[in-house]
């Protein structure tokens, strides 16, 4: 899928996915939402963004994580480092 509002350029934020024409990364948009901000809050703080660019950021993040897996393994108690006394 192509995201018209999301770009990744090596000379902007080291290639992190950003909203086109800005230095606002997709990760930053996610952090704003995670901290409790809503669309209106973000648009008020960053009036040069559009609702569509914010939605594209969320959609991009969703597609990026779609096939990611986290493997959780248990470590036997005997392999844990002893606590400092």
PDB file of N, CA and C in Angstrom:
ATOM      1  N   UNK A   1       0.840  -1.174   0.000  1.00  0.00           N
ATOM      2  CA  UNK A   1       0.000   0.000   0.000  1.00  0.00           C
ATOM      3  C   UNK A   1       0.887   1.239   0.000  1.00  0.00           C
ATOM      4  N   UNK A   2       0.504   2.247  -0.754  1.00  0.00           N
ATOM      5  CA  UNK A   2       1.252   3.488  -0.836  1.00  0.00           C
ATOM      6  C   UNK A   2       0.550   4.543   0.012  1.00  0.00           C
ATOM      7  N   UNK A   3       1.315   5.240   0.821  1.00  0.00           N
ATOM      8  CA  UNK A   3       0.791   6.285   1.688  1.00  0.00           C
ATOM      9  C   UNK A   3       1.273   7.620   1.139  1.00  0.00           C
ATOM     10  N   UNK A   4       0.383   8.408   0.552  1.00  0.00           N
ATOM     11  CA  UNK A   4       0.800   9.645  -0.110  1.00  0.00           C
ATOM     12  C   UNK A   4       1.303  10.700   0.868  1.00  0.00           C
ATOM     13  N   UNK A   5       0.890  10.628   2.118  1.00  0.00           N
ATOM     14  CA  UNK A   5       1.310  11.624   3.106  1.00  0.00           C
ATOM     15  C   UNK A   5       2.492  11.185   3.954  1.00  0.00           C
ATOM     16  N   UNK A   6       2.995   9.980   3.747  1.00  0.00           N
ATOM     17  CA  UNK A   6       4.106   9.462   4.549  1.00  0.00           C
ATOM     18  C   UNK A   6       5.316   9.251   3.647  1.00  0.00           C
ATOM     19  N   UNK A   7       6.449   9.808   4.081  1.00  0.00           N
ATOM     20  CA  UNK A   7       7.687   9.659   3.313  1.00  0.00           C
ATOM     21  C   UNK A   7       8.811   9.232   4.255  1.00  0.00           C
ATOM     22  N   UNK A   8       9.828   8.653   3.662  1.00  0.00           N
ATOM     23  CA  UNK A   8      11.021   8.270   4.415  1.00  0.00           C
ATOM     24  C   UNK A   8      12.223   8.678   3.573  1.00  0.00           C
ATOM     25  N   UNK A   9      12.925   9.705   4.037  1.00  0.00           N
ATOM     26  CA  UNK A   9      14.076  10.219   3.299  1.00  0.00           C
ATOM     27  C   UNK A   9      15.300  10.214   4.218  1.00  0.00           C
ATOM     28  N   UNK A  10      16.419   9.697   3.740  1.00  0.00           N
ATOM     29  CA  UNK A  10      17.610   9.556   4.585  1.00  0.00           C
ATOM     30  C   UNK A  10      18.065  10.855   5.251  1.00  0.00           C
ATOM     31  N   UNK A  11      17.851  11.997   4.603  1.00  0.00           N
ATOM     32  CA  UNK A  11      18.331  13.260   5.165  1.00  0.00           C
ATOM     33  C   UNK A  11      17.327  13.939   6.097  1.00  0.00           C
ATOM     34  N   UNK A  12      16.176  13.307   6.325  1.00  0.00           N
ATOM     35  CA  UNK A  12      15.181  13.850   7.257  1.00  0.00           C
ATOM     36  C   UNK A  12      14.964  12.841   8.371  1.00  0.00           C
ATOM     37  N   UNK A  13      15.331  13.224   9.584  1.00  0.00           N
ATOM     38  CA  UNK A  13      15.210  12.374  10.775  1.00  0.00           C
ATOM     39  C   UNK A  13      15.829  10.991  10.570  1.00  0.00           C
ATOM     40  N   UNK A  14      16.909  10.940   9.825  1.00  0.00           N
ATOM     41  CA  UNK A  14      17.617   9.681   9.611  1.00  0.00           C
ATOM     42  C   UNK A  14      16.817   8.626   8.871  1.00  0.00           C
ATOM     43  N   UNK A  15      15.822   9.058   8.113  1.00  0.00           N
ATOM     44  CA  UNK A  15      15.026   8.112   7.331  1.00  0.00           C
ATOM     45  C   UNK A  15      13.777   7.596   8.026  1.00  0.00           C
ATOM     46  N   UNK A  16      13.493   8.100   9.227  1.00  0.00           N
ATOM     47  CA  UNK A  16      12.262   7.678   9.899  1.00  0.00           C
ATOM     48  C   UNK A  16      11.053   8.093   9.068  1.00  0.00           C
ATOM     49  N   UNK A  17      10.015   7.289   9.041  1.00  0.00           N
ATOM     50  CA  UNK A  17       8.809   7.681   8.320  1.00  0.00           C
ATOM     51  C   UNK A  17       8.214   8.954   8.936  1.00  0.00           C
ATOM     52  N   UNK A  18       7.969   9.954   8.073  1.00  0.00           N
ATOM     53  CA  UNK A  18       7.457  11.255   8.509  1.00  0.00           C
ATOM     54  C   UNK A  18       6.270  11.668   7.649  1.00  0.00           C
ATOM     55  N   UNK A  19       5.542  12.647   8.151  1.00  0.00           N
ATOM     56  CA  UNK A  19       4.478  13.242   7.364  1.00  0.00           C
ATOM     57  C   UNK A  19       5.135  14.137   6.317  1.00  0.00           C
ATOM     58  N   UNK A  20       4.717  13.971   5.071  1.00  0.00           N
ATOM     59  CA  UNK A  20       5.309  14.689   3.938  1.00  0.00           C
ATOM     60  C   UNK A  20       5.385  16.193   4.213  1.00  0.00           C
ATOM     61  N   UNK A  21       6.555  16.776   3.922  1.00  0.00           N
ATOM     62  CA  UNK A  21       6.748  18.206   4.059  1.00  0.00           C
ATOM     63  C   UNK A  21       6.983  18.681   5.482  1.00  0.00           C
ATOM     64  N   UNK A  22       7.158  17.739   6.411  1.00  0.00           N
ATOM     65  CA  UNK A  22       7.383  18.098   7.810  1.00  0.00           C
ATOM     66  C   UNK A  22       8.525  17.269   8.370  1.00  0.00           C
ATOM     67  N   UNK A  23       8.854  17.555   9.610  1.00  0.00           N
ATOM     68  CA  UNK A  23       9.781  16.716  10.370  1.00  0.00           C
ATOM     69  C   UNK A  23       9.026  16.044  11.503  1.00  0.00           C
ATOM     70  N   UNK A  24       7.732  15.822  11.284  1.00  0.00           N
ATOM     71  CA  UNK A  24       6.876  15.149  12.266  1.00  0.00           C
ATOM     72  C   UNK A  24       6.847  13.672  11.902  1.00  0.00           C
ATOM     73  N   UNK A  25       7.415  12.830  12.784  1.00  0.00           N
ATOM     74  CA  UNK A  25       7.496  11.400  12.480  1.00  0.00           C
ATOM     75  C   UNK A  25       6.194  10.680  12.830  1.00  0.00           C
ATOM     76  N   UNK A  26       6.010   9.562  12.191  1.00  0.00           N
ATOM     77  CA  UNK A  26       4.872   8.689  12.497  1.00  0.00           C
ATOM     78  C   UNK A  26       4.932   8.289  13.970  1.00  0.00           C
ATOM     79  N   UNK A  27       6.129   7.986  14.451  1.00  0.00           N
ATOM     80  CA  UNK A  27       6.296   7.594  15.858  1.00  0.00           C
ATOM     81  C   UNK A  27       5.838   8.715  16.787  1.00  0.00           C
ATOM     82  N   UNK A  28       6.124   9.968  16.440  1.00  0.00           N
ATOM     83  CA  UNK A  28       5.706  11.092  17.269  1.00  0.00           C
ATOM     84  C   UNK A  28       4.188  11.204  17.319  1.00  0.00           C
ATOM     85  N   UNK A  29       3.540  10.992  16.190  1.00  0.00           N
ATOM     86  CA  UNK A  29       2.066  11.017  16.151  1.00  0.00           C
ATOM     87  C   UNK A  29       1.521   9.939  17.079  1.00  0.00           C
ATOM     88  N   UNK A  30       2.106   8.740  17.041  1.00  0.00           N
ATOM     89  CA  UNK A  30       1.665   7.663  17.929  1.00  0.00           C
ATOM     90  C   UNK A  30       1.867   8.040  19.388  1.00  0.00           C
ATOM     91  N   UNK A  31       2.993   8.671  19.692  1.00  0.00           N
ATOM     92  CA  UNK A  31       3.264   9.109  21.064  1.00  0.00           C
ATOM     93  C   UNK A  31       2.229  10.128  21.531  1.00  0.00           C
ATOM     94  N   UNK A  32       1.839  11.031  20.642  1.00  0.00           N
ATOM     95  CA  UNK A  32       0.820  12.022  21.007  1.00  0.00           C
ATOM     96  C   UNK A  32      -0.491  11.339  21.369  1.00  0.00           C
ATOM     97  N   UNK A  33      -0.918  10.389  20.551  1.00  0.00           N
ATOM     98  CA  UNK A  33      -2.152   9.658  20.847  1.00  0.00           C
ATOM     99  C   UNK A  33      -2.011   8.855  22.140  1.00  0.00           C
ATOM    100  N   UNK A  34      -0.864   8.226  22.322  1.00  0.00           N
ATOM    101  CA  UNK A  34      -0.648   7.419  23.529  1.00  0.00           C
ATOM    102  C   UNK A  34      -0.668   8.271  24.793  1.00  0.00           C
ATOM    103  N   UNK A  35      -0.302   9.543  24.673  1.00  0.00           N
ATOM    104  CA  UNK A  35      -0.303  10.418  25.839  1.00  0.00           C
ATOM    105  C   UNK A  35      -1.669  11.042  26.098  1.00  0.00           C
ATOM    106  N   UNK A  36      -2.646  10.684  25.264  1.00  0.00           N
ATOM    107  CA  UNK A  36      -4.006  11.153  25.501  1.00  0.00           C
ATOM    108  C   UNK A  36      -4.503  12.228  24.553  1.00  0.00           C
ATOM    109  N   UNK A  37      -3.661  12.688  23.638  1.00  0.00           N
ATOM    110  CA  UNK A  37      -4.081  13.708  22.680  1.00  0.00           C
ATOM    111  C   UNK A  37      -5.059  13.098  21.677  1.00  0.00           C
ATOM    112  N   UNK A  38      -5.952  13.916  21.175  1.00  0.00           N
ATOM    113  CA  UNK A  38      -6.887  13.508  20.133  1.00  0.00           C
ATOM    114  C   UNK A  38      -6.589  14.281  18.854  1.00  0.00           C
ATOM    115  N   UNK A  39      -7.363  14.012  17.814  1.00  0.00           N
ATOM    116  CA  UNK A  39      -7.157  14.694  16.536  1.00  0.00           C
ATOM    117  C   UNK A  39      -7.155  16.213  16.717  1.00  0.00           C
ATOM    118  N   UNK A  40      -8.164  16.733  17.401  1.00  0.00           N
ATOM    119  CA  UNK A  40      -8.282  18.180  17.555  1.00  0.00           C
ATOM    120  C   UNK A  40      -7.087  18.769  18.296  1.00  0.00           C
ATOM    121  N   UNK A  41      -6.603  18.072  19.320  1.00  0.00           N
ATOM    122  CA  UNK A  41      -5.432  18.534  20.063  1.00  0.00           C
ATOM    123  C   UNK A  41      -4.206  18.630  19.153  1.00  0.00           C
ATOM    124  N   UNK A  42      -4.016  17.608  18.347  1.00  0.00           N
ATOM    125  CA  UNK A  42      -2.855  17.566  17.463  1.00  0.00           C
ATOM    126  C   UNK A  42      -2.964  18.643  16.394  1.00  0.00           C
ATOM    127  N   UNK A  43      -4.148  18.798  15.820  1.00  0.00           N
ATOM    128  CA  UNK A  43      -4.338  19.808  14.777  1.00  0.00           C
ATOM    129  C   UNK A  43      -4.188  21.222  15.334  1.00  0.00           C
ATOM    130  N   UNK A  44      -4.569  21.409  16.567  1.00  0.00           N
ATOM    131  CA  UNK A  44      -4.412  22.724  17.196  1.00  0.00           C
ATOM    132  C   UNK A  44      -2.930  23.022  17.456  1.00  0.00           C
ATOM    133  N   UNK A  45      -2.197  22.025  17.926  1.00  0.00           N
ATOM    134  CA  UNK A  45      -0.776  22.207  18.219  1.00  0.00           C
ATOM    135  C   UNK A  45       0.076  22.282  16.945  1.00  0.00           C
ATOM    136  N   UNK A  46      -0.356  21.602  15.908  1.00  0.00           N
ATOM    137  CA  UNK A  46       0.388  21.538  14.644  1.00  0.00           C
ATOM    138  C   UNK A  46      -0.574  21.852  13.499  1.00  0.00           C
ATOM    139  N   UNK A  47      -0.960  23.128  13.342  1.00  0.00           N
ATOM    140  CA  UNK A  47      -1.993  23.505  12.371  1.00  0.00           C
ATOM    141  C   UNK A  47      -1.616  23.242  10.912  1.00  0.00           C
ATOM    142  N   UNK A  48      -0.346  22.999  10.639  1.00  0.00           N
ATOM    143  CA  UNK A  48       0.084  22.701   9.279  1.00  0.00           C
ATOM    144  C   UNK A  48      -0.193  21.244   8.896  1.00  0.00           C
ATOM    145  N   UNK A  49      -0.608  20.422   9.863  1.00  0.00           N
ATOM    146  CA  UNK A  49      -0.984  19.036   9.568  1.00  0.00           C
ATOM    147  C   UNK A  49      -2.451  18.994   9.144  1.00  0.00           C
ATOM    148  N   UNK A  50      -2.812  17.943   8.452  1.00  0.00           N
ATOM    149  CA  UNK A  50      -4.212  17.713   8.103  1.00  0.00           C
ATOM    150  C   UNK A  50      -4.697  16.454   8.819  1.00  0.00           C
ATOM    151  N   UNK A  51      -5.997  16.350   8.955  1.00  0.00           N
ATOM    152  CA  UNK A  51      -6.553  15.147   9.570  1.00  0.00           C
ATOM    153  C   UNK A  51      -6.156  13.921   8.753  1.00  0.00           C
ATOM    154  N   UNK A  52      -6.135  14.071   7.423  1.00  0.00           N
ATOM    155  CA  UNK A  52      -5.764  12.951   6.555  1.00  0.00           C
ATOM    156  C   UNK A  52      -4.323  12.510   6.792  1.00  0.00           C
ATOM    157  N   UNK A  53      -3.409  13.459   7.012  1.00  0.00           N
ATOM    158  CA  UNK A  53      -2.007  13.081   7.246  1.00  0.00           C
ATOM    159  C   UNK A  53      -1.860  12.342   8.573  1.00  0.00           C
ATOM    160  N   UNK A  54      -2.654  12.727   9.567  1.00  0.00           N
ATOM    161  CA  UNK A  54      -2.630  12.029  10.856  1.00  0.00           C
ATOM    162  C   UNK A  54      -3.199  10.622  10.693  1.00  0.00           C
ATOM    163  N   UNK A  55      -4.310  10.511   9.955  1.00  0.00           N
ATOM    164  CA  UNK A  55      -4.893   9.188   9.696  1.00  0.00           C
ATOM    165  C   UNK A  55      -3.925   8.306   8.927  1.00  0.00           C
ATOM    166  N   UNK A  56      -3.221   8.887   7.955  1.00  0.00           N
ATOM    167  CA  UNK A  56      -2.229   8.110   7.203  1.00  0.00           C
ATOM    168  C   UNK A  56      -1.112   7.622   8.121  1.00  0.00           C
ATOM    169  N   UNK A  57      -0.732   8.444   9.103  1.00  0.00           N
ATOM    170  CA  UNK A  57       0.292   8.026  10.056  1.00  0.00           C
ATOM    171  C   UNK A  57      -0.150   6.798  10.840  1.00  0.00           C
ATOM    172  N   UNK A  58      -1.391   6.828  11.303  1.00  0.00           N
ATOM    173  CA  UNK A  58      -1.921   5.693  12.060  1.00  0.00           C
ATOM    174  C   UNK A  58      -2.042   4.449  11.186  1.00  0.00           C
ATOM    175  N   UNK A  59      -2.501   4.636   9.970  1.00  0.00           N
ATOM    176  CA  UNK A  59      -2.643   3.511   9.048  1.00  0.00           C
ATOM    177  C   UNK A  59      -1.276   2.925   8.692  1.00  0.00           C
ATOM    178  N   UNK A  60      -0.296   3.808   8.458  1.00  0.00           N
ATOM    179  CA  UNK A  60       1.062   3.348   8.168  1.00  0.00           C
ATOM    180  C   UNK A  60       1.604   2.515   9.324  1.00  0.00           C
ATOM    181  N   UNK A  61       1.428   3.010  10.539  1.00  0.00           N
ATOM    182  CA  UNK A  61       1.905   2.275  11.715  1.00  0.00           C
ATOM    183  C   UNK A  61       1.218   0.917  11.816  1.00  0.00           C
ATOM    184  N   UNK A  62      -0.071   0.900  11.556  1.00  0.00           N
ATOM    185  CA  UNK A  62      -0.827  -0.349  11.617  1.00  0.00           C
ATOM    186  C   UNK A  62      -0.294  -1.360  10.600  1.00  0.00           C
ATOM    187  N   UNK A  63      -0.089  -0.918   9.365  1.00  0.00           N
ATOM    188  CA  UNK A  63       0.419  -1.825   8.333  1.00  0.00           C
ATOM    189  C   UNK A  63       1.851  -2.264   8.642  1.00  0.00           C
ATOM    190  N   UNK A  64       2.633  -1.371   9.226  1.00  0.00           N
ATOM    191  CA  UNK A  64       4.020  -1.709   9.554  1.00  0.00           C
ATOM    192  C   UNK A  64       4.100  -2.801  10.609  1.00  0.00           C
ATOM    193  N   UNK A  65       3.149  -2.821  11.514  1.00  0.00           N
ATOM    194  CA  UNK A  65       3.161  -3.793  12.607  1.00  0.00           C
ATOM    195  C   UNK A  65       2.345  -5.042  12.317  1.00  0.00           C
ATOM    196  N   UNK A  66       1.664  -5.049  11.208  1.00  0.00           N
ATOM    197  CA  UNK A  66       0.736  -6.134  10.895  1.00  0.00           C
ATOM    198  C   UNK A  66       1.363  -7.529  10.971  1.00  0.00           C
ATOM    199  N   UNK A  67       2.579  -7.663  10.536  1.00  0.00           N
ATOM    200  CA  UNK A  67       3.214  -8.980  10.520  1.00  0.00           C
ATOM    201  C   UNK A  67       4.346  -9.109  11.536  1.00  0.00           C
ATOM    202  N   UNK A  68       4.354  -8.226  12.523  1.00  0.00           N
ATOM    203  CA  UNK A  68       5.361  -8.295  13.581  1.00  0.00           C
ATOM    204  C   UNK A  68       4.887  -9.254  14.660  1.00  0.00           C
ATOM    205  N   UNK A  69       5.828  -9.969  15.222  1.00  0.00           N
ATOM    206  CA  UNK A  69       5.520 -10.904  16.300  1.00  0.00           C
ATOM    207  C   UNK A  69       6.497 -10.686  17.439  1.00  0.00           C
ATOM    208  N   UNK A  70       6.005 -10.804  18.628  1.00  0.00           N
ATOM    209  CA  UNK A  70       6.856 -10.734  19.811  1.00  0.00           C
ATOM    210  C   UNK A  70       6.888 -12.133  20.406  1.00  0.00           C
ATOM    211  N   UNK A  71       8.078 -12.660  20.564  1.00  0.00           N
ATOM    212  CA  UNK A  71       8.217 -13.993  21.126  1.00  0.00           C
ATOM    213  C   UNK A  71       8.498 -13.839  22.616  1.00  0.00           C
ATOM    214  N   UNK A  72       7.649 -14.408  23.413  1.00  0.00           N
ATOM    215  CA  UNK A  72       7.819 -14.360  24.861  1.00  0.00           C
ATOM    216  C   UNK A  72       8.261 -15.738  25.314  1.00  0.00           C
ATOM    217  N   UNK A  73       9.372 -15.746  26.016  1.00  0.00           N
ATOM    218  CA  UNK A  73       9.873 -17.020  26.525  1.00  0.00           C
ATOM    219  C   UNK A  73      10.041 -16.917  28.032  1.00  0.00           C
ATOM    220  N   UNK A  74       9.902 -18.024  28.677  1.00  0.00           N
ATOM    221  CA  UNK A  74      10.119 -18.059  30.122  1.00  0.00           C
ATOM    222  C   UNK A  74      11.557 -18.457  30.385  1.00  0.00           C
ATOM    223  N   UNK A  75      12.152 -17.790  31.330  1.00  0.00           N
ATOM    224  CA  UNK A  75      13.513 -18.114  31.743  1.00  0.00           C
ATOM    225  C   UNK A  75      13.397 -18.886  33.044  1.00  0.00           C
ATOM    226  N   UNK A  76      13.966 -20.093  33.081  1.00  0.00           N
ATOM    227  CA  UNK A  76      13.906 -20.862  34.327  1.00  0.00           C
ATOM    228  C   UNK A  76      14.517 -20.076  35.480  1.00  0.00           C
ATOM    229  N   UNK A  77      13.944 -20.217  36.654  1.00  0.00           N
ATOM    230  CA  UNK A  77      14.414 -19.508  37.850  1.00  0.00           C
ATOM    231  C   UNK A  77      15.907 -19.723  38.076  1.00  0.00           C
ATOM    232  N   UNK A  78      16.402 -20.907  37.766  1.00  0.00           N
ATOM    233  CA  UNK A  78      17.816 -21.223  37.992  1.00  0.00           C
ATOM    234  C   UNK A  78      18.750 -20.407  37.094  1.00  0.00           C
ATOM    235  N   UNK A  79      18.226 -19.843  35.988  1.00  0.00           N
ATOM    236  CA  UNK A  79      19.065 -19.065  35.076  1.00  0.00           C
ATOM    237  C   UNK A  79      19.039 -17.578  35.361  1.00  0.00           C
ATOM    238  N   UNK A  80      18.207 -17.159  36.305  1.00  0.00           N
ATOM    239  CA  UNK A  80      18.139 -15.746  36.651  1.00  0.00           C
ATOM    240  C   UNK A  80      19.344 -15.352  37.469  1.00  0.00           C
ATOM    241  N   UNK A  81      19.786 -14.117  37.322  1.00  0.00           N
ATOM    242  CA  UNK A  81      20.923 -13.626  38.109  1.00  0.00           C
ATOM    243  C   UNK A  81      20.477 -13.471  39.566  1.00  0.00           C
ATOM    244  N   UNK A  82      21.380 -13.789  40.479  1.00  0.00           N
ATOM    245  CA  UNK A  82      21.009 -13.629  41.888  1.00  0.00           C
ATOM    246  C   UNK A  82      20.816 -12.163  42.217  1.00  0.00           C
ATOM    247  N   UNK A  83      19.896 -11.879  43.120  1.00  0.00           N
ATOM    248  CA  UNK A  83      19.630 -10.495  43.538  1.00  0.00           C
ATOM    249  C   UNK A  83      20.808  -9.982  44.344  1.00  0.00           C
ATOM    250  N   UNK A  84      21.041  -8.689  44.235  1.00  0.00           N
ATOM    251  CA  UNK A  84      22.105  -8.078  45.035  1.00  0.00           C
ATOM    252  C   UNK A  84      21.670  -8.019  46.495  1.00  0.00           C
ATOM    253  N   UNK A  85      22.614  -8.303  47.400  1.00  0.00           N
ATOM    254  CA  UNK A  85      22.240  -8.243  48.810  1.00  0.00           C
ATOM    255  C   UNK A  85      22.798  -7.026  49.468  1.00  0.00           C
TER     256      UNK A  85
END
